[in-house]
Amino acid sequence: MWVLIPVKPLAQAKTRLAGVLSPGERQALVRHMLDDVLAALAATPDIAGVALVSADPAVARIGAERGLRVLPESAPGLNAALHGAIATLAGEGIDTLLVLPADVPLLDAATLEQMRAAHRTAPALTLVAASADGGTNALLMSPPDLLSPAFGAGSCAGYCRAAVELGVAPTLLDLPQAALDIDRPEDLARLEFQTGATRTREFLHRIDAWARLRHGASESPVTLARHAS
């Protein structure tokens, strides 16, 4: 099994958190979340390889420092970039691919093992939905190009329908450690009292992000932005 992680250019990341975190803090948050995801992958046996796909040179440096494969975006936009990266990996003979976002810091080795154990013989599709909007927080496919990338709100149900149309019974898993992605202030609030996400939670604690959330609950986004700057 290979793992593919798309990473948006850091300067464009997590804009919905602009009322809580400064631009530099949002970039740091993405790096810490990615570190937590990569730590989970490193603790999971028998993963054949990990690749990042990004147009950001800073992300490419992160990948190179960790000995990961880095694939450039073949076209702008998440799904177009993934389409090119998946085609590259599939063309090299990879038979199973897990596509993960970089912003699921609670992910751990036990959750990854549950995904792999539930995955069937090819052709097969195993998914975890995002708890907030029905998007897709884990997409495990055999072969890796079983379905075209179509990430976004409601995409998990869309992938399931597409699989059924191909005659493949999808496996939809309820795995809380993979279901929480960090996009909005509400997601940050949910993360505060979780276990795991060691690097991400330490960073958020260090910059008093949760105190900002509590202090700014009744304040305007403009006021919150001043606190975050």
Protein backbone atom coordinates (compact mmCIF):
# COMPACT_ATOMS: atom_id res chain seq x y z
CA MET A 1 0.00 0.00 0.00
CA TRP A 2 1.19 3.45 -0.95
CA VAL A 3 -0.10 6.63 0.68
CA LEU A 4 -0.65 9.90 -1.20
CA ILE A 5 -1.10 13.19 0.69
CA PRO A 6 -2.08 16.38 -1.14
CA VAL A 7 -0.85 19.58 0.50
CA LYS A 8 -2.16 22.97 -0.56
CA PRO A 9 0.39 25.81 -0.80
CA LEU A 10 0.95 26.84 2.79
CA ALA A 11 0.19 30.50 2.20
CA GLN A 12 -3.31 29.53 1.01
CA ALA A 13 -4.07 27.04 3.75
CA LYS A 14 -6.78 27.17 6.41
CA THR A 15 -8.27 30.54 5.51
CA ARG A 16 -11.40 29.68 7.51
CA LEU A 17 -9.24 29.95 10.62
CA ALA A 18 -8.20 33.52 9.81
CA GLY A 19 -10.30 34.85 12.69
CA VAL A 20 -8.29 32.79 15.19
CA LEU A 21 -4.81 32.28 13.74
CA SER A 22 -2.45 34.64 11.94
CA PRO A 23 -1.17 33.66 8.46
CA GLY A 24 2.11 32.41 9.91
CA GLU A 25 0.29 30.40 12.56
CA ARG A 26 -1.97 28.82 9.97
CA GLN A 27 1.05 27.73 7.97
CA ALA A 28 2.67 26.32 11.11
CA LEU A 29 -0.56 24.49 11.96
CA VAL A 30 -0.52 22.72 8.59
CA ARG A 31 3.09 21.66 9.10
CA HIS A 32 2.36 20.29 12.58
CA MET A 33 -0.73 18.41 11.36
CA LEU A 34 1.27 16.92 8.52
CA ASP A 35 3.95 15.87 11.02
CA ASP A 36 1.30 14.05 13.08
CA VAL A 37 -0.04 12.27 9.99
CA LEU A 38 3.47 11.26 8.91
CA ALA A 39 4.24 10.00 12.42
CA ALA A 40 1.18 7.74 12.26
CA LEU A 41 2.31 6.40 8.89
CA ALA A 42 5.84 5.81 10.18
CA ALA A 43 4.39 3.72 13.04
CA THR A 44 2.34 1.58 10.64
CA PRO A 45 4.14 -1.50 9.29
CA ASP A 46 4.21 -2.58 5.66
CA ILE A 47 3.48 0.77 4.03
CA ALA A 48 5.42 0.61 0.78
CA GLY A 49 5.82 4.34 0.29
CA VAL A 50 4.50 7.82 1.03
CA ALA A 51 4.20 10.61 -1.53
CA LEU A 52 3.23 14.26 -1.20
CA VAL A 53 1.66 16.16 -4.08
CA SER A 54 2.01 19.92 -3.89
CA ALA A 55 2.93 23.02 -5.86
CA ASP A 56 4.61 24.60 -2.82
CA PRO A 57 8.45 24.48 -2.73
CA ALA A 58 8.28 24.61 1.08
CA VAL A 59 6.19 21.43 1.10
CA ALA A 60 8.64 19.83 -1.33
CA ARG A 61 11.46 20.63 1.11
CA ILE A 62 9.49 19.05 3.96
CA GLY A 63 9.06 15.90 1.89
CA ALA A 64 12.71 15.78 0.90
CA GLU A 65 13.83 16.22 4.52
CA ARG A 66 11.74 13.21 5.50
CA GLY A 67 12.78 11.04 2.58
CA LEU A 68 9.34 11.11 0.99
CA ARG A 69 8.53 11.15 -2.67
CA VAL A 70 7.27 14.54 -3.83
CA LEU A 71 5.09 14.81 -6.92
CA PRO A 72 4.45 18.20 -8.54
CA GLU A 73 0.91 19.30 -9.30
CA SER A 74 0.16 18.39 -12.91
CA ALA A 75 -2.66 20.95 -12.93
CA PRO A 76 -4.00 23.48 -10.42
CA GLY A 77 -6.72 22.41 -8.00
CA LEU A 78 -6.95 19.51 -5.58
CA ASN A 79 -8.71 16.98 -7.78
CA ALA A 80 -6.73 17.77 -10.90
CA ALA A 81 -3.46 17.50 -8.96
CA LEU A 82 -4.52 14.18 -7.46
CA HIS A 83 -5.58 12.87 -10.86
CA GLY A 84 -2.07 13.39 -12.22
CA ALA A 85 -0.34 11.98 -9.13
CA ILE A 86 -2.56 8.89 -9.07
CA ALA A 87 -1.95 8.30 -12.77
CA THR A 88 1.80 8.46 -12.14
CA LEU A 89 1.71 5.96 -9.28
CA ALA A 90 -0.72 3.62 -11.03
CA GLY A 91 1.52 3.67 -14.10
CA GLU A 92 4.38 2.42 -11.95
CA GLY A 93 2.44 -0.70 -10.96
CA ILE A 94 1.25 0.28 -7.50
CA ASP A 95 -1.82 -1.83 -6.77
CA THR A 96 -3.30 -0.19 -3.65
CA LEU A 97 -3.36 3.49 -2.76
CA LEU A 98 -4.59 5.39 0.28
CA VAL A 99 -5.29 9.08 -0.29
CA LEU A 100 -5.19 11.07 2.97
CA PRO A 101 -5.51 14.77 3.69
CA ALA A 102 -2.78 16.48 5.68
CA ASP A 103 -5.23 17.90 8.24
CA VAL A 104 -6.33 14.78 10.16
CA PRO A 105 -3.85 15.01 13.06
CA LEU A 106 -5.65 12.47 15.27
CA LEU A 107 -4.86 9.72 12.77
CA ASP A 108 -2.90 6.89 14.36
CA ALA A 109 -1.41 3.54 13.42
CA ALA A 110 -4.32 1.58 14.89
CA THR A 111 -6.77 3.47 12.68
CA LEU A 112 -4.64 2.86 9.62
CA GLU A 113 -4.50 -0.84 10.44
CA GLN A 114 -8.30 -0.93 10.74
CA MET A 115 -8.61 0.56 7.26
CA ARG A 116 -6.24 -1.96 5.79
CA ALA A 117 -7.87 -4.90 7.57
CA ALA A 118 -11.30 -3.88 6.26
CA HIS A 119 -10.09 -3.45 2.67
CA ARG A 120 -11.16 -6.23 0.34
CA THR A 121 -9.52 -7.91 -2.63
CA ALA A 122 -9.40 -5.75 -5.75
CA PRO A 123 -11.42 -4.16 -7.09
CA ALA A 124 -12.11 -2.57 -3.73
CA LEU A 125 -12.93 0.76 -2.12
CA THR A 126 -12.66 1.65 1.57
CA LEU A 127 -13.57 5.10 2.88
CA VAL A 128 -13.86 7.27 5.97
CA ALA A 129 -16.17 10.27 5.80
CA ALA A 130 -15.36 13.68 7.23
CA SER A 131 -17.58 14.26 10.22
CA ALA A 132 -18.30 17.91 9.43
CA ASP A 133 -19.45 17.94 5.82
CA GLY A 134 -19.56 14.40 4.43
CA GLY A 135 -16.31 14.89 2.56
CA THR A 136 -13.74 12.11 2.34
CA ASN A 137 -10.93 11.86 4.89
CA ALA A 138 -9.57 8.51 3.72
CA LEU A 139 -9.88 6.97 0.28
CA LEU A 140 -8.33 3.52 -0.09
CA MET A 141 -8.53 2.05 -3.59
CA SER A 142 -7.43 -1.10 -5.37
CA PRO A 143 -6.51 -0.50 -8.13
CA PRO A 144 -5.33 3.03 -7.28
CA ASP A 145 -7.21 4.57 -10.19
CA LEU A 146 -10.49 2.78 -9.48
CA LEU A 147 -12.29 6.15 -9.22
CA SER A 148 -11.42 9.63 -10.39
CA PRO A 149 -10.64 12.13 -7.61
CA ALA A 150 -13.72 14.12 -6.64
CA PHE A 151 -12.94 15.43 -3.17
CA GLY A 152 -15.14 18.06 -1.54
CA ALA A 153 -18.22 18.36 0.65
CA GLY A 154 -20.48 15.33 0.23
CA SER A 155 -17.85 13.45 -1.75
CA CYS A 156 -17.92 10.31 0.40
CA ALA A 157 -21.47 9.49 -0.69
CA GLY A 158 -20.50 10.33 -4.25
CA TYR A 159 -17.60 7.89 -4.18
CA CYS A 160 -19.87 5.18 -2.80
CA ARG A 161 -22.39 5.72 -5.61
CA ALA A 162 -19.65 5.67 -8.23
CA ALA A 163 -18.26 2.41 -6.84
CA VAL A 164 -21.68 0.75 -6.90
CA GLU A 165 -22.08 1.79 -10.54
CA LEU A 166 -18.84 -0.11 -11.23
CA GLY A 167 -20.14 -3.17 -9.41
CA VAL A 168 -17.88 -2.62 -6.38
CA ALA A 169 -19.38 -2.72 -2.89
CA PRO A 170 -17.76 0.13 -0.92
CA THR A 171 -16.65 -0.34 2.67
CA LEU A 172 -17.54 2.75 4.71
CA LEU A 173 -15.83 2.86 8.11
CA ASP A 174 -16.72 4.87 11.20
CA LEU A 175 -13.27 5.80 12.53
CA PRO A 176 -13.32 8.95 14.70
CA GLN A 177 -9.53 9.33 14.61
CA ALA A 178 -9.73 9.85 10.84
CA ALA A 179 -13.06 11.66 10.69
CA LEU A 180 -11.99 14.97 12.24
CA ASP A 181 -10.27 17.34 9.83
CA ILE A 182 -9.25 20.77 11.02
CA ASP A 183 -10.78 23.49 8.87
CA ARG A 184 -12.95 25.70 11.09
CA PRO A 185 -12.82 27.14 14.60
CA GLU A 186 -15.33 24.48 15.68
CA ASP A 187 -12.85 21.80 14.60
CA LEU A 188 -10.11 23.38 16.69
CA ALA A 189 -12.47 23.40 19.67
CA ARG A 190 -13.19 19.68 19.23
CA LEU A 191 -9.48 18.92 19.15
CA GLU A 192 -8.71 20.49 22.53
CA PHE A 193 -9.83 17.58 24.71
CA GLN A 194 -8.77 14.73 22.42
CA THR A 195 -5.82 12.45 22.96
CA GLY A 196 -3.28 12.09 20.19
CA ALA A 197 -2.30 14.74 17.65
CA THR A 198 0.70 15.36 19.88
CA ARG A 199 2.54 17.90 17.74
CA THR A 200 -0.57 19.77 16.67
CA ARG A 201 -2.06 20.03 20.13
CA GLU A 202 1.26 21.11 21.66
CA PHE A 203 1.53 23.91 19.08
CA LEU A 204 -2.05 25.09 19.61
CA HIS A 205 -1.53 25.05 23.37
CA ARG A 206 1.71 27.00 23.05
CA ILE A 207 0.08 29.81 21.08
CA ASP A 208 -3.02 29.85 23.34
CA ALA A 209 -5.32 29.07 20.41
CA TRP A 210 -8.01 27.53 22.59
CA ALA A 211 -7.94 30.47 24.97
CA ARG A 212 -8.47 32.71 21.96
CA LEU A 213 -11.45 30.64 20.90
CA ARG A 214 -13.06 30.91 24.33
CA HIS A 215 -12.26 34.61 24.66
CA GLY A 216 -13.50 35.42 21.17
CA ALA A 217 -16.66 33.33 21.16
CA SER A 218 -18.81 36.46 21.36
CA GLU A 219 -16.50 38.78 19.41
CA SER A 220 -16.49 39.72 15.76
CA PRO A 221 -14.09 38.09 13.25
CA VAL A 222 -12.29 41.44 12.95
CA THR A 223 -11.58 41.52 16.68
CA LEU A 224 -10.50 37.89 16.64
CA ALA A 225 -8.11 38.59 13.80
CA ARG A 226 -6.48 41.31 15.89
CA HIS A 227 -5.96 38.83 18.73
CA ALA A 228 -4.42 36.32 16.28
CA SER A 229 -1.98 38.75 14.68
